[in-house]
Structure formats: structure tokens, C-alpha cells
Amino acid sequence: MASFISDSDKGTLIVQNSTGERIGTIVWRFRDLNTDRGELGRLFDEISSELPPDGMFCEIFQLWVDPRFRRQGIASKLKNALDSVTMEGGVRAIYTHTEEDNLHVLDLNKKLGYREVRLGPIWDSVVRMSLVKDLLLPDPEGRAGNLN
């Protein structure tokens, strides 16, 4: 877990309350289908056509909000901040998954622009929905965003 603090291709964003208590975190890493394929395994082979042609994407490793602070916009704040980090890194897609019966999180993801790309078990028998969010990268010339 220390690598999510020290490595440039990984990161952790934290939300604290007014007393400095950690009440939400999102842990992420940049992935590359071209170099990480063996490590990524079968799941990413199945959804590779849903990811950018360059193979780069941001994978949400973990999203957590303290139960006392849920449904107050903290998860949205974390995911929106991750959008910015991802675009700054020149990466144009974010991947996440959640259990198919976690309707609140599925609804949140869809409201934030994620689309379903797969439904089924991943590493155990639990059915999970895989979702991808496509991001428009800023155009270096200052024009409207692009998908390159």
C-alpha cells in the first residue's frame, strides 16, 4: 500500500472533516494494457475494446467513505478529483467495478458518466459490474477537448 503514496503512477486522495479526521479516500493506479496485460488478466482482455486504443487507463483500486458521512457528496468529490488527476496524467479513461446489487454506487457511477462494460464474476463467484468513464483531454491549443 505504501506504493500508492510514493509511486508516480499510483495515488491516494483523501477527504478530511473539519477536525482533520479522514472520512473518505480513493486509491487509484494508472494501467497500460500493452505492458500490464499479464498482470491484469482475463478481465481486461474481455473489456480491452472498451478502453482507449493506446491502452492507458486509470483503475480505481478502492473507494471508501466513512459510513457516518455517506450520501453527503464525498464519493462524488473524490471521483471528480480523480477525473482531474487522470486528465493531468494524459490518461483518458477510468475503470471501476462494484457488486451488481450495490445499487447506490452503481447509480452514483452512472450519474458521474460511467458506462457498464461487463457484468459477471471477477475473482470469486460474486457478480460485479465493470464500468468505464471516458474523459476528454484538454487540447494543448486551447480548443475544445479531444479524445487523443
Foldseek 3Di string as FASTA:
>chain_A
DVCQPVPPQWHKDFDAPPVRHTFKMWIKGKDACVPCVVVVPDVCVQQVVVADPRRIEMETPDIGGHPVCPPVCPSVVNVVVVLVVCLVVVGFKYKYKDFPPPVVVVVVCVVVAWDWRDWADDPDRGIMTMTMHTHFHQDPVRDDGHRD
